[in-house]
Protein backbone atom coordinates (compact mmCIF):
# COMPACT_ATOMS: atom_id res chain seq x y z
CA UNK A 1 0.10 -0.21 0.03
CA UNK A 2 1.21 3.15 -1.02
CA UNK A 3 0.75 6.13 1.65
CA UNK A 4 0.74 9.89 0.88
CA UNK A 5 1.02 12.86 3.08
CA UNK A 6 -0.98 15.80 2.43
CA UNK A 7 0.14 19.52 2.07
CA UNK A 8 -1.76 19.92 5.53
CA UNK A 9 0.15 17.59 7.17
CA UNK A 10 3.44 18.87 6.22
CA UNK A 11 2.71 22.07 7.36
CA UNK A 12 1.51 20.93 10.56
CA UNK A 13 4.82 19.54 11.11
CA UNK A 14 6.80 22.47 10.89
CA UNK A 15 8.46 24.42 13.39
CA UNK A 16 6.37 26.82 15.39
CA UNK A 17 7.34 30.39 15.31
CA UNK A 18 8.74 32.04 18.48
CA UNK A 19 8.54 34.92 20.03
CA UNK A 20 9.23 37.42 23.45
CA UNK A 21 8.11 40.27 24.16
CA UNK A 22 9.83 43.58 26.26
CA UNK A 23 8.85 41.95 29.30
CA UNK A 24 10.85 38.55 28.56
CA UNK A 25 7.70 36.81 27.89
CA UNK A 26 8.04 34.00 25.16
CA UNK A 27 5.24 32.64 23.18
CA UNK A 28 5.62 30.15 20.55
CA UNK A 29 2.91 30.39 18.20
CA UNK A 30 2.09 27.25 15.66
CA UNK A 31 3.07 28.17 12.15
CA UNK A 32 -0.44 27.36 10.55
CA UNK A 33 -1.67 30.80 13.26
CA UNK A 34 1.11 32.83 12.12
CA UNK A 35 1.40 31.84 7.87
CA UNK A 36 -0.12 35.56 6.93
CA UNK A 37 0.80 38.97 8.46
CA UNK A 38 -2.43 39.28 9.35
CA UNK A 39 -2.81 36.10 11.26
CA UNK A 40 0.29 36.97 12.92
CA UNK A 41 -1.06 40.00 14.09
CA UNK A 42 -3.87 38.44 15.61
CA UNK A 43 -2.04 36.07 17.26
CA UNK A 44 0.46 38.43 18.80
CA UNK A 45 -3.12 40.83 19.96
CA UNK A 46 -4.22 38.03 21.62
CA UNK A 47 -1.42 37.77 24.04
CA UNK A 48 -1.52 41.34 25.17
CA UNK A 49 -4.96 41.97 25.69
CA UNK A 50 -5.56 42.96 29.49
CA UNK A 51 -2.21 44.45 29.72
CA UNK A 52 -2.84 48.08 30.86
CA UNK A 53 -0.23 50.22 29.59
CA UNK A 54 0.62 48.44 26.14
CA UNK A 55 -2.22 46.41 25.45
CA UNK A 56 -3.51 49.28 23.57
CA UNK A 57 -1.03 50.32 21.45
CA UNK A 58 -0.35 46.66 20.39
CA UNK A 59 -4.37 46.32 19.70
CA UNK A 60 -3.91 49.22 17.47
CA UNK A 61 -1.05 47.51 15.84
CA UNK A 62 1.85 49.67 17.10
CA UNK A 63 4.55 47.26 17.72
CA UNK A 64 7.26 45.83 15.66
CA UNK A 65 8.65 42.27 14.84
CA UNK A 66 11.83 41.65 14.85
CA UNK A 67 14.21 38.59 13.18
CA UNK A 68 17.07 37.00 14.90
CA UNK A 69 19.53 39.78 14.08
CA UNK A 70 16.91 42.68 15.47
CA UNK A 71 16.10 43.97 11.83
CA UNK A 72 12.29 44.98 11.66
CA UNK A 73 10.09 42.54 9.75
CA UNK A 74 7.36 44.40 7.99
CA UNK A 75 3.62 43.58 6.24
CA UNK A 76 5.60 43.46 3.18
CA UNK A 77 8.16 41.19 3.93
CA UNK A 78 6.33 38.69 6.23
CA UNK A 79 5.25 36.18 3.20
CA UNK A 80 9.08 35.98 2.09
CA UNK A 81 10.33 35.61 5.18
CA UNK A 82 8.19 33.24 7.17
CA UNK A 83 7.94 29.73 5.23
């Protein structure tokens, strides 16, 4: 019997994206939850709900995502950097 692996199965096995915030908290988001810039923004916003000072800023989209070199990754670059 020959088996096959669907694209969904391969995607599910991708490494999660790891983030840390200015407070030293660390997060892992499943790749499929951050495939697009919009999905990533929604994931980030969820973890900042309820934080009094920075939470509203994050909800307004006022945050930066940095790559491992400390360079800002913007919406136009997201699809080419995150694979």
